[in-house]
Amino acid sequence: MLRRLRDLALRYADANVVLGEHMAARLRKRRIPEERITIIANWADGTHIHPVERTRNALLKEWNLADSFVVGYSGNLGRAHNFETFLTAVAHLAAQEKVTHKAFTFANAGGDASQDTPDEESRRDIRWLFIGGGAQTDKLRRAVRERGYGNVMFRPYQPRERLSESLSAPDVHLISLKPNLEGLIVPSKYYGIAAAGRPAIFVGNPDGELARIIRDSETGFVIRDGDDAGLAEAVLKLARNPELAVAQGVRARRLFETRYDFAHAVKAWENLIRKTSGDTNLR
């Protein structure tokens, strides 16, 4: 009964605003007329969130991360997000770092190390930074403590005036969404990440809304939920090729300015209100 009432409300509404194509597809399956579906993406305010260079980012110095490659997660860690892939990727990288360190030490001692042995710059320590809170944060903290991961740190939500520094602190951001929630949720954190000019690694359904955006715009990597080895490989690729992370971040900011800045959303909503109200003179 409740579903029928919901669908009737959707079917006869003047407009149903959804956040992406996957949400729109769900409404079409419920026989909502195409002319009553409008896609208006999430957004961020590019005047309040902007890229901050690493050398000028006070938070990196305060948190003793200036010399590390930082993998970040910013915002709510709620029930819609799966963090287990993150944790197992931490273990993968920790094990690989031990092997790499042995090879590097052997090479410095005069041994015949592989040509793939990274130089000092690409061997920056990888640190995992979780900023914010949410229903699963305490559970993640306990898991990190129990597994003895010393390269994972937590910080609370940051004041609004420090949001640019906070979002610019990671070299790459993590985004997670449980695959069964595609079409119901679009993680809004991506738009602030893009505004800060940082790449993102999305962990979830590789055919999902954000997965498509990130893949098509080349602003990060897409990893299937549960593929901890794939996540570790993506992080390591960026850590060893910092210029790739920078290039992806530049593209992310450009994409943000073109499609997801606050002004674009205001214009889209203004056009929709004009259309549904019939008032072409709406200011």
Protein backbone atom coordinates (compact mmCIF):
# COMPACT_ATOMS: atom_id res chain seq x y z
CA MET A 1 0.00 0.00 0.00
CA LEU A 2 2.74 2.45 0.96
CA ARG A 3 4.67 1.63 -2.23
CA ARG A 4 1.58 2.28 -4.34
CA LEU A 5 1.02 5.63 -2.66
CA ARG A 6 4.68 6.54 -3.14
CA ASP A 7 4.59 5.62 -6.82
CA LEU A 8 1.37 7.58 -7.35
CA ALA A 9 2.99 10.64 -5.78
CA LEU A 10 6.01 10.26 -8.05
CA ARG A 11 3.86 9.66 -11.13
CA TYR A 12 1.75 12.77 -10.68
CA ALA A 13 4.37 15.15 -9.34
CA ASP A 14 5.18 18.03 -11.67
CA ALA A 15 8.84 17.08 -11.40
CA ASN A 16 10.95 14.39 -9.74
CA VAL A 17 14.55 15.50 -9.24
CA VAL A 18 17.14 12.72 -9.13
CA LEU A 19 20.91 12.90 -8.67
CA GLY A 20 21.99 10.80 -11.64
CA GLU A 21 21.13 8.44 -14.46
CA HIS A 22 20.92 5.37 -12.19
CA MET A 23 18.28 7.06 -10.03
CA ALA A 24 16.40 8.10 -13.16
CA ALA A 25 16.46 4.48 -14.38
CA ARG A 26 14.84 3.34 -11.13
CA LEU A 27 11.97 5.79 -11.64
CA ARG A 28 11.51 4.67 -15.25
CA LYS A 29 11.16 1.08 -14.03
CA ARG A 30 8.33 2.31 -11.83
CA ARG A 31 6.63 3.77 -14.91
CA ILE A 32 7.27 7.39 -13.97
CA PRO A 33 6.84 9.47 -17.16
CA GLU A 34 10.11 10.62 -18.67
CA GLU A 35 8.92 14.23 -18.83
CA ARG A 36 8.52 14.21 -15.03
CA ILE A 37 12.12 13.14 -14.35
CA THR A 38 14.91 15.72 -14.12
CA ILE A 39 18.55 14.97 -13.32
CA ILE A 40 20.32 17.62 -11.25
CA ALA A 41 23.65 16.43 -9.90
CA ASN A 42 25.08 17.11 -6.46
CA TRP A 43 27.37 20.09 -6.20
CA ALA A 44 29.86 21.96 -4.02
CA ASP A 45 30.73 25.63 -3.67
CA GLY A 46 33.95 26.37 -5.52
CA THR A 47 34.31 29.74 -3.82
CA HIS A 48 34.60 28.03 -0.41
CA ILE A 49 36.47 24.89 -1.47
CA HIS A 50 39.60 25.28 -3.55
CA PRO A 51 42.90 23.42 -4.00
CA VAL A 52 45.63 24.11 -1.44
CA GLU A 53 49.20 23.24 -2.39
CA ARG A 54 50.88 20.65 -0.18
CA THR A 55 53.70 23.03 0.76
CA ARG A 56 51.15 25.61 1.94
CA ASN A 57 48.80 23.25 3.73
CA ALA A 58 49.09 23.91 7.46
CA LEU A 59 47.09 20.80 8.37
CA LEU A 60 49.69 18.52 6.78
CA LYS A 61 52.31 20.05 9.04
CA GLU A 62 50.08 19.97 12.12
CA TRP A 63 49.29 16.29 11.53
CA ASN A 64 52.91 15.40 10.68
CA LEU A 65 51.97 14.24 7.18
CA ALA A 66 54.02 16.63 5.07
CA ASP A 67 56.48 13.92 4.01
CA SER A 68 53.93 11.14 3.47
CA PHE A 69 51.70 10.05 0.62
CA VAL A 70 48.25 10.49 2.15
CA VAL A 71 45.24 8.33 1.30
CA GLY A 72 42.22 10.08 2.78
CA TYR A 73 38.59 9.51 3.61
CA SER A 74 36.61 12.62 4.47
CA GLY A 75 33.07 12.93 5.81
CA ASN A 76 30.47 10.47 6.99
CA LEU A 77 31.39 6.80 7.30
CA GLY A 78 27.89 5.42 7.51
CA ARG A 79 25.96 2.23 6.97
CA ALA A 80 25.99 2.73 3.20
CA HIS A 81 29.77 2.44 3.13
CA ASN A 82 31.97 -0.67 3.27
CA PHE A 83 35.36 -0.07 4.90
CA GLU A 84 36.63 -3.67 5.02
CA THR A 85 38.19 -3.30 1.56
CA PHE A 86 40.13 -0.31 2.91
CA LEU A 87 41.49 -2.31 5.84
CA THR A 88 42.66 -5.29 3.82
CA ALA A 89 44.31 -2.92 1.32
CA VAL A 90 46.25 -1.41 4.24
CA ALA A 91 47.53 -4.91 5.05
CA HIS A 92 48.45 -5.56 1.40
CA LEU A 93 50.48 -2.37 1.20
CA ALA A 94 52.16 -2.93 4.55
CA ALA A 95 53.36 -6.35 3.37
CA GLN A 96 54.50 -4.97 0.03
CA GLU A 97 56.32 -2.07 1.70
CA LYS A 98 58.39 -4.56 3.71
CA VAL A 99 59.47 -6.34 0.51
CA THR A 100 60.21 -3.05 -1.25
CA HIS A 101 62.23 -1.77 1.70
CA LYS A 102 64.36 -4.93 1.71
CA ALA A 103 65.01 -4.59 -2.03
CA PHE A 104 65.92 -0.92 -1.65
CA THR A 105 68.29 -1.65 1.23
CA PHE A 106 69.88 -4.49 -0.76
CA ALA A 107 70.41 -2.18 -3.75
CA ASN A 108 72.04 0.49 -1.58
CA ALA A 109 74.37 -2.17 -0.19
CA GLY A 110 75.61 -2.95 -3.69
CA GLY A 111 73.24 -5.76 -4.60
CA ASP A 112 71.59 -6.30 -7.96
CA ALA A 113 68.11 -4.97 -7.24
CA SER A 114 65.33 -4.93 -9.85
CA GLN A 115 64.94 -1.86 -12.03
CA ASP A 116 61.48 -1.55 -10.56
CA THR A 117 62.92 -0.64 -7.17
CA PRO A 118 61.58 2.86 -6.46
CA ASP A 119 63.76 5.84 -5.74
CA GLU A 120 63.64 7.80 -2.48
CA GLU A 121 60.95 10.21 -3.70
CA SER A 122 58.56 7.43 -4.73
CA ARG A 123 59.16 5.59 -1.44
CA ARG A 124 57.31 8.13 0.67
CA ASP A 125 55.49 6.43 3.51
CA ILE A 126 51.84 5.78 2.77
CA ARG A 127 49.53 7.05 5.52
CA TRP A 128 45.77 6.54 5.75
CA LEU A 129 43.79 9.49 7.08
CA PHE A 130 40.12 9.33 8.10
CA ILE A 131 38.51 12.70 8.75
CA GLY A 132 34.96 12.92 10.09
CA GLY A 133 32.62 10.50 11.83
CA GLY A 134 29.56 8.37 11.29
CA ALA A 135 27.86 5.16 12.37
CA GLN A 136 30.84 2.95 11.46
CA THR A 137 33.71 5.15 12.64
CA ASP A 138 34.06 3.53 16.07
CA LYS A 139 33.97 0.07 14.48
CA LEU A 140 36.74 1.10 12.09
CA ARG A 141 38.81 2.49 14.96
CA ARG A 142 38.52 -0.78 16.86
CA ALA A 143 39.50 -2.81 13.80
CA VAL A 144 42.56 -0.61 13.20
CA ARG A 145 43.59 -0.94 16.84
CA GLU A 146 43.07 -4.71 16.94
CA ARG A 147 45.06 -5.26 13.75
CA GLY A 148 47.85 -2.97 14.88
CA TYR A 149 47.88 -0.64 11.88
CA GLY A 150 50.16 2.19 12.94
CA ASN A 151 49.90 4.09 9.64
CA VAL A 152 46.18 4.83 10.01
CA MET A 153 45.07 8.01 11.77
CA PHE A 154 41.76 9.63 12.62
CA ARG A 155 40.78 13.29 12.86
CA PRO A 156 37.39 14.85 13.62
CA TYR A 157 35.30 16.94 11.26
CA GLN A 158 37.15 20.16 10.51
CA PRO A 159 35.72 23.70 10.77
CA ARG A 160 34.17 25.07 7.60
CA GLU A 161 36.93 27.66 7.24
CA ARG A 162 39.52 24.86 7.07
CA LEU A 163 37.63 22.69 4.60
CA SER A 164 39.90 23.55 1.68
CA GLU A 165 42.97 22.53 3.69
CA SER A 166 41.24 19.41 4.98
CA LEU A 167 40.09 18.20 1.56
CA SER A 168 43.46 19.10 0.03
CA ALA A 169 45.43 17.19 2.68
CA PRO A 170 45.08 13.74 1.03
CA ASP A 171 46.92 13.06 -2.21
CA VAL A 172 43.97 10.84 -3.13
CA HIS A 173 40.55 10.32 -1.55
CA LEU A 174 38.59 7.13 -0.95
CA ILE A 175 34.88 6.88 -1.70
CA SER A 176 32.77 3.82 -0.91
CA LEU A 177 29.21 2.77 -1.66
CA LYS A 178 27.67 -0.67 -1.17
CA PRO A 179 26.74 -1.96 -4.65
CA ASN A 180 23.11 -2.73 -3.74
CA LEU A 181 22.55 0.97 -3.00
CA GLU A 182 23.36 2.20 -6.51
CA GLY A 183 20.44 4.22 -7.80
CA LEU A 184 19.42 5.15 -4.26
CA ILE A 185 22.49 7.11 -3.14
CA VAL A 186 25.17 9.16 -4.89
CA PRO A 187 28.01 9.96 -2.44
CA SER A 188 28.15 13.75 -2.29
CA LYS A 189 31.74 13.76 -1.00
CA TYR A 190 33.07 13.42 -4.57
CA TYR A 191 32.08 16.98 -5.47
CA GLY A 192 34.02 18.54 -2.59
CA ILE A 193 36.99 16.32 -3.47
CA ALA A 194 36.86 17.52 -7.08
CA ALA A 195 36.55 21.13 -5.91
CA ALA A 196 39.74 20.64 -3.90
CA GLY A 197 41.49 19.36 -7.02
CA ARG A 198 42.15 15.86 -5.75
CA PRO A 199 41.66 12.46 -7.44
CA ALA A 200 39.37 9.80 -6.00
CA ILE A 201 39.34 6.02 -5.79
CA PHE A 202 35.78 4.74 -5.84
CA VAL A 203 35.17 1.33 -4.23
CA GLY A 204 31.82 -0.15 -5.17
CA ASN A 205 29.88 -1.12 -8.27
CA PRO A 206 32.16 -0.50 -11.29
CA ASP A 207 29.06 0.33 -13.35
CA GLY A 208 27.73 2.81 -10.79
CA GLU A 209 27.06 6.53 -11.10
CA LEU A 210 30.29 7.81 -9.58
CA ALA A 211 32.28 5.01 -11.17
CA ARG A 212 31.18 6.22 -14.58
CA ILE A 213 32.00 9.86 -13.80
CA ILE A 214 35.46 9.06 -12.46
CA ARG A 215 36.32 6.65 -15.25
CA ASP A 216 35.07 8.89 -18.08
CA SER A 217 36.79 12.00 -16.71
CA GLU A 218 40.02 10.19 -15.76
CA THR A 219 39.93 11.75 -12.30
CA GLY A 220 40.85 8.62 -10.35
CA PHE A 221 40.34 4.87 -10.24
CA VAL A 222 37.36 2.53 -9.93
CA ILE A 223 37.73 -0.62 -7.82
CA ARG A 224 35.14 -3.35 -7.39
CA ASP A 225 33.86 -3.72 -3.83
CA GLY A 226 35.98 -6.35 -2.06
CA ASP A 227 38.97 -6.01 -4.39
CA ASP A 228 41.50 -5.04 -1.72
CA ALA A 229 44.42 -6.05 -3.93
CA GLY A 230 43.14 -3.77 -6.69
CA LEU A 231 42.78 -0.89 -4.24
CA ALA A 232 46.31 -1.45 -2.94
CA GLU A 233 47.62 -1.48 -6.51
CA ALA A 234 45.86 1.80 -7.34
CA VAL A 235 47.21 3.51 -4.23
CA LEU A 236 50.71 2.26 -4.92
CA LYS A 237 50.54 3.42 -8.53
CA LEU A 238 49.71 6.96 -7.41
CA ALA A 239 52.26 6.92 -4.59
CA ARG A 240 55.00 5.92 -7.03
CA ASN A 241 53.78 8.37 -9.68
CA PRO A 242 52.84 11.57 -7.83
CA GLU A 243 52.63 13.46 -11.13
CA LEU A 244 49.73 11.16 -12.11
CA ALA A 245 47.85 12.05 -8.92
CA VAL A 246 48.42 15.74 -9.62
CA ALA A 247 47.21 15.40 -13.22
CA GLN A 248 44.06 13.57 -12.11
CA GLY A 249 43.44 16.28 -9.51
CA VAL A 250 43.78 19.04 -12.09
CA ARG A 251 41.24 17.28 -14.30
CA ALA A 252 38.92 16.87 -11.30
CA ARG A 253 38.93 20.60 -10.57
CA ARG A 254 38.35 21.36 -14.26
CA LEU A 255 35.42 18.93 -14.34
CA PHE A 256 34.02 20.49 -11.17
CA GLU A 257 34.15 24.00 -12.60
CA THR A 258 32.50 22.82 -15.81
CA ARG A 259 29.67 20.73 -14.35
CA TYR A 260 29.40 20.63 -10.56
CA ASP A 261 30.01 24.10 -9.15
CA PHE A 262 27.23 25.73 -7.15
CA ALA A 263 26.30 28.10 -9.97
CA HIS A 264 25.48 25.20 -12.31
CA ALA A 265 23.10 23.68 -9.76
CA VAL A 266 21.37 27.02 -9.14
CA LYS A 267 20.85 27.47 -12.87
CA ALA A 268 19.44 23.96 -13.25
CA TRP A 269 17.00 24.45 -10.38
CA GLU A 270 16.00 27.86 -11.71
CA ASN A 271 15.25 26.38 -15.13
CA LEU A 272 13.20 23.59 -13.57
CA ILE A 273 11.13 25.98 -11.45
CA ARG A 274 10.47 28.13 -14.51
CA LYS A 275 9.37 25.08 -16.47
CA THR A 276 7.08 23.62 -13.82
CA SER A 277 5.58 26.97 -12.77
CA GLY A 278 5.15 28.25 -16.30
CA ASP A 279 6.73 31.54 -15.22
CA THR A 280 9.28 32.43 -17.90
CA ASN A 281 9.90 35.77 -16.17
CA LEU A 282 11.09 34.18 -12.92
CA ARG A 283 14.13 35.99 -11.60
